[in-house]
Amino acid sequence: MWPFSKRSGGTATVVDVQTIDVKQAFARSKRGARLVDVRSSAEFRSGHPKGALSVPPGLIKKDQTGLGRDDDLLVICLSGHRSPRQARKLAEMGFTNVTNVQGGLQAWKRAGLPVKK
């Protein structure tokens, strides 16, 4: 879990975002979870997990993701450094089922999981 604090009405609450490895993420995506790639559009075009949806950070900030609040979301970036922050933002915006994918696309590729260009 990645605990983050969230201010709500002057009090701080903790937003927990679960973290899973790429193999768990792949299995969940095969069962209907949505892979959310939070890299830039150019990075996404250079290669992304098969079936991933490109949602650059600017769209998250503006709440223009097009995602359902209760969708099972698996947030991935290149190396696992940006995705925890973006997963936290989604959770703070009211998305109820957000999970960070540890290691990002680099770990995805190392695991031999499908990538689309």
N, C-alpha and C. Protein backbone atom coordinates (compact mmCIF):
# COMPACT_ATOMS: atom_id res chain seq x y z
N MET A 1 0.83 -1.18 0.00
CA MET A 1 0.00 0.00 0.00
C MET A 1 0.88 1.25 0.00
N TRP A 2 0.42 2.25 -0.70
CA TRP A 2 1.07 3.56 -0.71
C TRP A 2 0.16 4.52 0.02
N PRO A 3 0.43 4.84 1.27
CA PRO A 3 -0.46 5.77 1.97
C PRO A 3 -0.11 7.21 1.61
N PHE A 4 -1.13 7.99 1.38
CA PHE A 4 -0.97 9.40 1.08
C PHE A 4 -1.98 10.15 1.93
N SER A 5 -1.62 11.36 2.34
CA SER A 5 -2.60 12.13 3.10
C SER A 5 -3.44 12.96 2.16
N LYS A 6 -4.68 13.16 2.54
CA LYS A 6 -5.65 13.91 1.76
C LYS A 6 -6.35 14.87 2.70
N ARG A 7 -6.45 16.11 2.34
CA ARG A 7 -7.15 17.08 3.16
C ARG A 7 -8.61 17.09 2.78
N SER A 8 -9.46 17.01 3.77
CA SER A 8 -10.89 17.02 3.56
C SER A 8 -11.55 17.77 4.70
N GLY A 9 -12.07 18.95 4.41
CA GLY A 9 -12.74 19.71 5.45
C GLY A 9 -11.83 20.09 6.59
N GLY A 10 -10.55 20.33 6.31
CA GLY A 10 -9.61 20.75 7.33
C GLY A 10 -8.96 19.61 8.08
N THR A 11 -9.36 18.37 7.83
CA THR A 11 -8.73 17.24 8.50
C THR A 11 -8.01 16.39 7.46
N ALA A 12 -6.94 15.77 7.88
CA ALA A 12 -6.17 14.92 6.96
C ALA A 12 -6.66 13.49 7.08
N THR A 13 -6.90 12.86 5.96
CA THR A 13 -7.25 11.45 5.93
C THR A 13 -6.20 10.75 5.08
N VAL A 14 -6.14 9.45 5.17
CA VAL A 14 -5.14 8.70 4.41
C VAL A 14 -5.81 8.03 3.22
N VAL A 15 -5.21 8.24 2.05
CA VAL A 15 -5.66 7.58 0.83
C VAL A 15 -4.67 6.46 0.56
N ASP A 16 -5.13 5.22 0.65
CA ASP A 16 -4.26 4.07 0.40
C ASP A 16 -4.43 3.63 -1.04
N VAL A 17 -3.32 3.47 -1.73
CA VAL A 17 -3.32 2.96 -3.08
C VAL A 17 -2.49 1.68 -3.07
N GLN A 18 -3.15 0.59 -3.38
CA GLN A 18 -2.48 -0.71 -3.41
C GLN A 18 -1.46 -0.73 -4.55
N THR A 19 -0.38 -1.48 -4.36
CA THR A 19 0.63 -1.68 -5.40
C THR A 19 0.74 -3.18 -5.69
N ILE A 20 0.75 -3.51 -6.98
CA ILE A 20 0.91 -4.90 -7.39
C ILE A 20 2.01 -4.99 -8.44
N ASP A 21 2.50 -6.21 -8.67
CA ASP A 21 3.54 -6.38 -9.69
C ASP A 21 2.89 -6.53 -11.07
N VAL A 22 3.71 -6.51 -12.10
CA VAL A 22 3.21 -6.51 -13.47
C VAL A 22 2.46 -7.80 -13.84
N LYS A 23 2.88 -8.93 -13.29
CA LYS A 23 2.19 -10.18 -13.61
C LYS A 23 0.78 -10.18 -13.01
N GLN A 24 0.64 -9.65 -11.81
CA GLN A 24 -0.68 -9.52 -11.21
C GLN A 24 -1.53 -8.53 -12.02
N ALA A 25 -0.91 -7.45 -12.46
CA ALA A 25 -1.63 -6.45 -13.26
C ALA A 25 -2.10 -7.06 -14.58
N PHE A 26 -1.24 -7.83 -15.22
CA PHE A 26 -1.62 -8.47 -16.48
C PHE A 26 -2.81 -9.40 -16.28
N ALA A 27 -2.76 -10.20 -15.22
CA ALA A 27 -3.87 -11.12 -14.94
C ALA A 27 -5.17 -10.35 -14.69
N ARG A 28 -5.09 -9.27 -13.93
CA ARG A 28 -6.30 -8.48 -13.67
C ARG A 28 -6.81 -7.82 -14.94
N SER A 29 -5.89 -7.37 -15.81
CA SER A 29 -6.32 -6.73 -17.06
C SER A 29 -7.06 -7.74 -17.94
N LYS A 30 -6.63 -8.99 -17.89
CA LYS A 30 -7.31 -10.03 -18.67
C LYS A 30 -8.72 -10.31 -18.13
N ARG A 31 -8.95 -9.96 -16.86
CA ARG A 31 -10.27 -10.13 -16.25
C ARG A 31 -11.11 -8.85 -16.31
N GLY A 32 -10.61 -7.83 -17.02
CA GLY A 32 -11.41 -6.63 -17.22
C GLY A 32 -10.91 -5.35 -16.59
N ALA A 33 -9.87 -5.41 -15.78
CA ALA A 33 -9.31 -4.18 -15.22
C ALA A 33 -8.74 -3.33 -16.35
N ARG A 34 -8.76 -2.01 -16.18
CA ARG A 34 -8.27 -1.11 -17.21
C ARG A 34 -6.86 -0.64 -16.88
N LEU A 35 -5.93 -0.92 -17.78
CA LEU A 35 -4.56 -0.42 -17.64
C LEU A 35 -4.56 1.05 -18.05
N VAL A 36 -4.12 1.91 -17.16
CA VAL A 36 -4.09 3.35 -17.41
C VAL A 36 -2.64 3.78 -17.47
N ASP A 37 -2.16 4.11 -18.67
CA ASP A 37 -0.77 4.52 -18.89
C ASP A 37 -0.70 6.03 -18.71
N VAL A 38 0.04 6.48 -17.69
CA VAL A 38 0.07 7.90 -17.35
C VAL A 38 1.32 8.61 -17.89
N ARG A 39 1.94 8.02 -18.90
CA ARG A 39 3.07 8.69 -19.54
C ARG A 39 2.55 9.68 -20.58
N SER A 40 3.44 10.45 -21.15
CA SER A 40 3.04 11.40 -22.19
C SER A 40 2.53 10.65 -23.41
N SER A 41 1.82 11.35 -24.28
CA SER A 41 1.29 10.74 -25.50
C SER A 41 2.42 10.20 -26.37
N ALA A 42 3.52 10.94 -26.46
CA ALA A 42 4.67 10.49 -27.26
C ALA A 42 5.26 9.20 -26.69
N GLU A 43 5.41 9.14 -25.37
CA GLU A 43 5.91 7.92 -24.74
C GLU A 43 4.97 6.75 -25.01
N PHE A 44 3.68 7.00 -24.91
CA PHE A 44 2.69 5.95 -25.14
C PHE A 44 2.80 5.42 -26.57
N ARG A 45 2.94 6.32 -27.54
CA ARG A 45 3.05 5.90 -28.94
C ARG A 45 4.31 5.08 -29.20
N SER A 46 5.34 5.25 -28.39
CA SER A 46 6.59 4.51 -28.59
C SER A 46 6.48 3.06 -28.13
N GLY A 47 5.41 2.73 -27.44
CA GLY A 47 5.17 1.37 -26.96
C GLY A 47 4.47 1.40 -25.62
N HIS A 48 3.46 0.55 -25.47
CA HIS A 48 2.67 0.51 -24.24
C HIS A 48 2.13 -0.89 -24.02
N PRO A 49 1.73 -1.19 -22.79
CA PRO A 49 1.13 -2.51 -22.54
C PRO A 49 -0.08 -2.69 -23.45
N LYS A 50 -0.20 -3.85 -24.03
CA LYS A 50 -1.32 -4.12 -24.92
C LYS A 50 -2.63 -3.91 -24.15
N GLY A 51 -3.52 -3.13 -24.75
CA GLY A 51 -4.81 -2.86 -24.14
C GLY A 51 -4.83 -1.64 -23.23
N ALA A 52 -3.68 -0.99 -23.03
CA ALA A 52 -3.62 0.17 -22.13
C ALA A 52 -4.31 1.38 -22.76
N LEU A 53 -4.82 2.24 -21.90
CA LEU A 53 -5.44 3.49 -22.28
C LEU A 53 -4.48 4.61 -21.92
N SER A 54 -4.22 5.52 -22.86
CA SER A 54 -3.34 6.65 -22.59
C SER A 54 -4.10 7.75 -21.86
N VAL A 55 -3.66 8.07 -20.64
CA VAL A 55 -4.25 9.14 -19.85
C VAL A 55 -3.09 9.95 -19.26
N PRO A 56 -2.55 10.91 -20.06
CA PRO A 56 -1.44 11.72 -19.55
C PRO A 56 -1.84 12.49 -18.30
N PRO A 57 -0.88 12.85 -17.46
CA PRO A 57 -1.17 13.54 -16.20
C PRO A 57 -2.05 14.78 -16.35
N GLY A 58 -1.92 15.51 -17.45
CA GLY A 58 -2.75 16.71 -17.65
C GLY A 58 -4.23 16.38 -17.69
N LEU A 59 -4.58 15.24 -18.24
CA LEU A 59 -5.99 14.84 -18.29
C LEU A 59 -6.50 14.46 -16.90
N ILE A 60 -5.62 13.86 -16.10
CA ILE A 60 -6.01 13.51 -14.74
C ILE A 60 -6.25 14.80 -13.95
N LYS A 61 -5.35 15.74 -14.06
CA LYS A 61 -5.47 17.00 -13.33
C LYS A 61 -6.77 17.72 -13.67
N LYS A 62 -7.17 17.65 -14.93
CA LYS A 62 -8.39 18.34 -15.37
C LYS A 62 -9.63 17.47 -15.25
N ASP A 63 -9.48 16.26 -14.70
CA ASP A 63 -10.58 15.30 -14.56
C ASP A 63 -11.25 15.03 -15.90
N GLN A 64 -10.41 14.81 -16.93
CA GLN A 64 -10.91 14.49 -18.26
C GLN A 64 -10.43 13.10 -18.68
N THR A 65 -10.50 12.16 -17.78
CA THR A 65 -9.97 10.83 -18.05
C THR A 65 -10.92 9.98 -18.87
N GLY A 66 -12.22 10.24 -18.76
CA GLY A 66 -13.20 9.39 -19.43
C GLY A 66 -13.40 8.05 -18.73
N LEU A 67 -12.84 7.90 -17.56
CA LEU A 67 -12.94 6.65 -16.79
C LEU A 67 -14.10 6.72 -15.81
N GLY A 68 -14.67 5.56 -15.52
CA GLY A 68 -15.72 5.49 -14.52
C GLY A 68 -15.15 5.49 -13.12
N ARG A 69 -15.83 6.13 -12.20
CA ARG A 69 -15.35 6.24 -10.82
C ARG A 69 -15.16 4.89 -10.14
N ASP A 70 -15.90 3.88 -10.57
CA ASP A 70 -15.79 2.55 -9.94
C ASP A 70 -15.05 1.55 -10.80
N ASP A 71 -14.47 1.99 -11.93
CA ASP A 71 -13.68 1.09 -12.77
C ASP A 71 -12.48 0.55 -12.00
N ASP A 72 -12.06 -0.66 -12.31
CA ASP A 72 -10.86 -1.26 -11.74
C ASP A 72 -9.68 -0.70 -12.55
N LEU A 73 -8.92 0.23 -11.97
CA LEU A 73 -7.87 0.94 -12.68
C LEU A 73 -6.48 0.48 -12.21
N LEU A 74 -5.63 0.16 -13.18
CA LEU A 74 -4.24 -0.23 -12.93
C LEU A 74 -3.36 0.84 -13.54
N VAL A 75 -2.72 1.63 -12.72
CA VAL A 75 -1.96 2.79 -13.19
C VAL A 75 -0.50 2.41 -13.40
N ILE A 76 -0.02 2.68 -14.62
CA ILE A 76 1.35 2.30 -15.00
C ILE A 76 2.05 3.46 -15.67
N CYS A 77 3.37 3.55 -15.48
CA CYS A 77 4.20 4.54 -16.15
C CYS A 77 5.40 3.80 -16.75
N LEU A 78 6.51 4.46 -16.93
CA LEU A 78 7.68 3.81 -17.51
C LEU A 78 8.42 2.94 -16.50
N SER A 79 8.73 3.51 -15.33
CA SER A 79 9.58 2.80 -14.38
C SER A 79 8.95 2.60 -13.00
N GLY A 80 7.78 3.16 -12.78
CA GLY A 80 7.13 3.04 -11.48
C GLY A 80 7.33 4.23 -10.58
N HIS A 81 7.91 5.31 -11.10
CA HIS A 81 8.11 6.50 -10.28
C HIS A 81 6.95 7.50 -10.39
N ARG A 82 6.34 7.62 -11.54
CA ARG A 82 5.23 8.56 -11.74
C ARG A 82 3.88 7.97 -11.37
N SER A 83 3.72 6.68 -11.57
CA SER A 83 2.39 6.08 -11.38
C SER A 83 1.86 6.17 -9.95
N PRO A 84 2.66 6.06 -8.89
CA PRO A 84 2.08 6.18 -7.55
C PRO A 84 1.44 7.56 -7.33
N ARG A 85 2.09 8.59 -7.82
CA ARG A 85 1.56 9.95 -7.65
C ARG A 85 0.24 10.11 -8.43
N GLN A 86 0.20 9.59 -9.66
CA GLN A 86 -1.01 9.72 -10.47
C GLN A 86 -2.13 8.83 -9.91
N ALA A 87 -1.79 7.68 -9.39
CA ALA A 87 -2.79 6.81 -8.75
C ALA A 87 -3.39 7.52 -7.54
N ARG A 88 -2.54 8.18 -6.77
CA ARG A 88 -3.03 8.94 -5.61
C ARG A 88 -3.98 10.04 -6.06
N LYS A 89 -3.63 10.75 -7.12
CA LYS A 89 -4.51 11.82 -7.62
C LYS A 89 -5.87 11.26 -8.01
N LEU A 90 -5.87 10.14 -8.70
CA LEU A 90 -7.15 9.54 -9.09
C LEU A 90 -7.97 9.17 -7.85
N ALA A 91 -7.32 8.58 -6.86
CA ALA A 91 -8.03 8.21 -5.63
C ALA A 91 -8.58 9.44 -4.92
N GLU A 92 -7.80 10.51 -4.88
CA GLU A 92 -8.25 11.74 -4.25
C GLU A 92 -9.42 12.37 -4.99
N MET A 93 -9.51 12.11 -6.30
CA MET A 93 -10.60 12.65 -7.11
C MET A 93 -11.87 11.81 -6.99
N GLY A 94 -11.80 10.72 -6.26
CA GLY A 94 -12.99 9.92 -6.02
C GLY A 94 -13.06 8.60 -6.77
N PHE A 95 -12.00 8.24 -7.49
CA PHE A 95 -11.97 6.93 -8.12
C PHE A 95 -11.76 5.91 -7.01
N THR A 96 -12.58 4.88 -6.99
CA THR A 96 -12.65 4.01 -5.82
C THR A 96 -11.81 2.75 -5.88
N ASN A 97 -11.31 2.38 -7.06
CA ASN A 97 -10.58 1.13 -7.19
C ASN A 97 -9.32 1.36 -8.02
N VAL A 98 -8.33 2.00 -7.40
CA VAL A 98 -7.10 2.39 -8.10
C VAL A 98 -5.93 1.59 -7.54
N THR A 99 -5.13 1.02 -8.44
CA THR A 99 -3.97 0.23 -8.05
C THR A 99 -2.76 0.69 -8.84
N ASN A 100 -1.63 0.83 -8.18
CA ASN A 100 -0.37 1.18 -8.82
C ASN A 100 0.33 -0.09 -9.30
N VAL A 101 0.92 -0.01 -10.52
CA VAL A 101 1.67 -1.14 -11.07
C VAL A 101 3.16 -0.88 -10.85
N GLN A 102 3.75 -1.68 -9.99
CA GLN A 102 5.15 -1.53 -9.61
C GLN A 102 6.09 -1.84 -10.77
N GLY A 103 7.08 -0.99 -10.98
CA GLY A 103 8.11 -1.23 -11.98
C GLY A 103 7.78 -0.73 -13.37
N GLY A 104 6.52 -0.39 -13.61
CA GLY A 104 6.12 0.22 -14.86
C GLY A 104 6.36 -0.63 -16.11
N LEU A 105 6.42 0.05 -17.24
CA LEU A 105 6.59 -0.62 -18.52
C LEU A 105 7.91 -1.37 -18.59
N GLN A 106 8.93 -0.86 -17.93
CA GLN A 106 10.22 -1.56 -17.94
C GLN A 106 10.08 -2.95 -17.34
N ALA A 107 9.41 -3.06 -16.21
CA ALA A 107 9.18 -4.36 -15.58
C ALA A 107 8.24 -5.21 -16.43
N TRP A 108 7.26 -4.57 -17.05
CA TRP A 108 6.31 -5.26 -17.94
C TRP A 108 7.07 -5.96 -19.06
N LYS A 109 7.99 -5.22 -19.69
CA LYS A 109 8.79 -5.80 -20.79
C LYS A 109 9.71 -6.91 -20.28
N ARG A 110 10.36 -6.69 -19.13
CA ARG A 110 11.25 -7.71 -18.57
C ARG A 110 10.50 -9.00 -18.29
N ALA A 111 9.23 -8.88 -17.95
CA ALA A 111 8.41 -10.07 -17.65
C ALA A 111 7.91 -10.74 -18.93
N GLY A 112 8.21 -10.15 -20.09
CA GLY A 112 7.79 -10.73 -21.35
C GLY A 112 6.31 -10.57 -21.66
N LEU A 113 5.68 -9.56 -21.04
CA LEU A 113 4.26 -9.33 -21.26
C LEU A 113 4.05 -8.54 -22.56
N PRO A 114 2.87 -8.65 -23.17
CA PRO A 114 2.64 -8.04 -24.49
C PRO A 114 2.69 -6.53 -24.50
N VAL A 115 3.41 -6.00 -25.50
CA VAL A 115 3.57 -4.56 -25.71
C VAL A 115 3.12 -4.25 -27.13
N LYS A 116 2.42 -3.14 -27.28
CA LYS A 116 1.94 -2.71 -28.60
C LYS A 116 2.60 -1.39 -28.96
N LYS A 117 2.97 -1.24 -30.23
CA LYS A 117 3.53 0.03 -30.72
C LYS A 117 2.59 0.66 -31.70
